[in-house]
Amino acid sequence: MKLEENLDIFTKGEFSSPALIDGVEVWGIFDEEYAQAFGINTLNSEGRAISFQTQTSEITEVNHGSRVELNDRVYEVIQIQPIDDGKLTDLILKEA
């Protein structure tokens, strides 16, 4: 008997939100945290690390440059990072 994982627990849970990615609704976890961009000697700069974590099976057609509409803002996919076994993926975004 094969064990089937229900990844909806993670991507469609209490802290999840829907996004339109190239016009298709996808659920996931949006994260917009501040991150240090540079740490050269005393020169420090801050930026934002914007990501949307979702099920890999729901974003098979997503590419770099895909349009993401989320929380009344528009983003562009700049990186696609599979996590561990590849069932979940972080989409790294930038504001368009």
C-alpha atoms as a PDB file:
ATOM      1  CA  MET A   1       0.000   0.000   0.000  1.00  0.00           C
ATOM      2  CA  LYS A   2       1.412   3.350  -1.095  1.00  0.00           C
ATOM      3  CA  LEU A   3       1.212   6.260   1.348  1.00  0.00           C
ATOM      4  CA  GLU A   4      -0.175   9.417  -0.275  1.00  0.00           C
ATOM      5  CA  GLU A   5       0.819  12.749   1.256  1.00  0.00           C
ATOM      6  CA  ASN A   6      -1.769  15.502   1.502  1.00  0.00           C
ATOM      7  CA  LEU A   7       0.267  18.637   0.839  1.00  0.00           C
ATOM      8  CA  ASP A   8      -2.891  20.780   1.002  1.00  0.00           C
ATOM      9  CA  ILE A   9      -2.317  20.818   4.765  1.00  0.00           C
ATOM     10  CA  PHE A  10       0.686  23.066   4.108  1.00  0.00           C
ATOM     11  CA  THR A  11      -0.344  25.051   1.050  1.00  0.00           C
ATOM     12  CA  LYS A  12      -4.062  25.549   1.706  1.00  0.00           C
ATOM     13  CA  GLY A  13      -3.961  25.938   5.473  1.00  0.00           C
ATOM     14  CA  GLU A  14      -4.720  28.763   7.847  1.00  0.00           C
ATOM     15  CA  PHE A  15      -1.696  30.867   6.840  1.00  0.00           C
ATOM     16  CA  SER A  16      -2.026  30.325   3.093  1.00  0.00           C
ATOM     17  CA  SER A  17      -3.304  32.633   0.409  1.00  0.00           C
ATOM     18  CA  PRO A  18      -4.317  32.311  -3.234  1.00  0.00           C
ATOM     19  CA  ALA A  19      -2.281  33.795  -6.055  1.00  0.00           C
ATOM     20  CA  LEU A  20      -2.892  34.073  -9.767  1.00  0.00           C
ATOM     21  CA  ILE A  21       0.152  32.763 -11.588  1.00  0.00           C
ATOM     22  CA  ASP A  22      -0.121  33.388 -15.319  1.00  0.00           C
ATOM     23  CA  GLY A  23      -3.897  33.543 -14.803  1.00  0.00           C
ATOM     24  CA  VAL A  24      -4.203  30.244 -12.872  1.00  0.00           C
ATOM     25  CA  GLU A  25      -5.198  30.210  -9.175  1.00  0.00           C
ATOM     26  CA  VAL A  26      -2.567  28.549  -6.993  1.00  0.00           C
ATOM     27  CA  TRP A  27      -2.551  28.337  -3.181  1.00  0.00           C
ATOM     28  CA  GLY A  28       0.597  28.717  -1.136  1.00  0.00           C
ATOM     29  CA  ILE A  29       2.417  30.532   1.634  1.00  0.00           C
ATOM     30  CA  PHE A  30       3.550  34.089   0.903  1.00  0.00           C
ATOM     31  CA  ASP A  31       6.608  35.374   2.753  1.00  0.00           C
ATOM     32  CA  GLU A  32       8.000  38.872   2.525  1.00  0.00           C
ATOM     33  CA  GLU A  33      10.816  39.131   5.007  1.00  0.00           C
ATOM     34  CA  TYR A  34      13.610  41.621   5.321  1.00  0.00           C
ATOM     35  CA  ALA A  35      17.006  40.222   4.522  1.00  0.00           C
ATOM     36  CA  GLN A  36      20.519  41.570   4.582  1.00  0.00           C
ATOM     37  CA  ALA A  37      21.640  41.982   1.007  1.00  0.00           C
ATOM     38  CA  PHE A  38      25.283  42.928   1.524  1.00  0.00           C
ATOM     39  CA  GLY A  39      27.647  42.500   4.441  1.00  0.00           C
ATOM     40  CA  ILE A  40      30.940  43.874   3.209  1.00  0.00           C
ATOM     41  CA  ASN A  41      32.917  45.221   6.174  1.00  0.00           C
ATOM     42  CA  THR A  42      30.833  48.051   7.603  1.00  0.00           C
ATOM     43  CA  LEU A  43      28.666  48.499   4.498  1.00  0.00           C
ATOM     44  CA  ASN A  44      25.327  46.886   5.187  1.00  0.00           C
ATOM     45  CA  SER A  45      22.258  47.067   3.030  1.00  0.00           C
ATOM     46  CA  GLU A  46      18.812  45.652   3.573  1.00  0.00           C
ATOM     47  CA  GLY A  47      16.356  44.290   1.096  1.00  0.00           C
ATOM     48  CA  ARG A  48      13.323  42.062   0.942  1.00  0.00           C
ATOM     49  CA  ALA A  49      13.280  38.355   0.260  1.00  0.00           C
ATOM     50  CA  ILE A  50       9.876  37.748  -1.340  1.00  0.00           C
ATOM     51  CA  SER A  51       8.782  34.147  -1.850  1.00  0.00           C
ATOM     52  CA  PHE A  52       5.694  32.044  -2.465  1.00  0.00           C
ATOM     53  CA  GLN A  53       5.865  28.383  -1.427  1.00  0.00           C
ATOM     54  CA  THR A  54       3.487  26.006  -3.165  1.00  0.00           C
ATOM     55  CA  GLN A  55       3.077  22.447  -4.425  1.00  0.00           C
ATOM     56  CA  THR A  56       5.404  21.677  -7.316  1.00  0.00           C
ATOM     57  CA  SER A  57       2.681  19.727  -9.113  1.00  0.00           C
ATOM     58  CA  GLU A  58       0.583  22.911  -9.385  1.00  0.00           C
ATOM     59  CA  ILE A  59       3.273  25.029 -11.046  1.00  0.00           C
ATOM     60  CA  THR A  60       4.692  22.777 -13.765  1.00  0.00           C
ATOM     61  CA  GLU A  61       4.108  25.482 -16.410  1.00  0.00           C
ATOM     62  CA  VAL A  62       5.672  28.334 -14.373  1.00  0.00           C
ATOM     63  CA  ASN A  63       8.897  29.795 -15.744  1.00  0.00           C
ATOM     64  CA  HIS A  64      11.255  32.651 -14.958  1.00  0.00           C
ATOM     65  CA  GLY A  65       9.342  35.820 -15.772  1.00  0.00           C
ATOM     66  CA  SER A  66       5.913  34.350 -14.979  1.00  0.00           C
ATOM     67  CA  ARG A  67       3.436  36.920 -13.657  1.00  0.00           C
ATOM     68  CA  VAL A  68       2.185  36.476 -10.086  1.00  0.00           C
ATOM     69  CA  GLU A  69      -0.766  38.506  -8.778  1.00  0.00           C
ATOM     70  CA  LEU A  70      -0.973  38.353  -5.000  1.00  0.00           C
ATOM     71  CA  ASN A  71      -2.378  40.648  -2.295  1.00  0.00           C
ATOM     72  CA  ASP A  72      -3.284  43.360  -4.825  1.00  0.00           C
ATOM     73  CA  ARG A  73       0.303  43.505  -6.086  1.00  0.00           C
ATOM     74  CA  VAL A  74       2.057  42.129  -9.150  1.00  0.00           C
ATOM     75  CA  TYR A  75       5.313  40.161  -9.003  1.00  0.00           C
ATOM     76  CA  GLU A  76       7.593  38.379 -11.428  1.00  0.00           C
ATOM     77  CA  VAL A  77       9.192  34.968 -10.823  1.00  0.00           C
ATOM     78  CA  ILE A  78      12.983  35.330 -10.763  1.00  0.00           C
ATOM     79  CA  GLN A  79      13.938  31.936  -9.274  1.00  0.00           C
ATOM     80  CA  ILE A  80      12.310  28.526  -8.920  1.00  0.00           C
ATOM     81  CA  GLN A  81      13.745  26.561  -5.977  1.00  0.00           C
ATOM     82  CA  PRO A  82      12.504  23.014  -5.291  1.00  0.00           C
ATOM     83  CA  ILE A  83      12.607  22.105  -1.589  1.00  0.00           C
ATOM     84  CA  ASP A  84      14.112  18.829  -0.319  1.00  0.00           C
ATOM     85  CA  ASP A  85      12.281  15.991  -2.118  1.00  0.00           C
ATOM     86  CA  GLY A  86      10.832  18.388  -4.720  1.00  0.00           C
ATOM     87  CA  LYS A  87       7.163  18.154  -3.759  1.00  0.00           C
ATOM     88  CA  LEU A  88       7.151  21.788  -2.609  1.00  0.00           C
ATOM     89  CA  THR A  89       8.776  24.711  -4.403  1.00  0.00           C
ATOM     90  CA  ASP A  90       9.732  28.248  -3.411  1.00  0.00           C
ATOM     91  CA  LEU A  91       9.061  30.796  -6.092  1.00  0.00           C
ATOM     92  CA  ILE A  92      11.379  33.735  -5.501  1.00  0.00           C
ATOM     93  CA  LEU A  93       9.658  36.927  -6.612  1.00  0.00           C
ATOM     94  CA  LYS A  94      10.380  40.571  -7.341  1.00  0.00           C
ATOM     95  CA  GLU A  95       7.840  43.365  -7.654  1.00  0.00           C
ATOM     96  CA  ALA A  96       6.977  44.084 -11.262  1.00  0.00           C
END
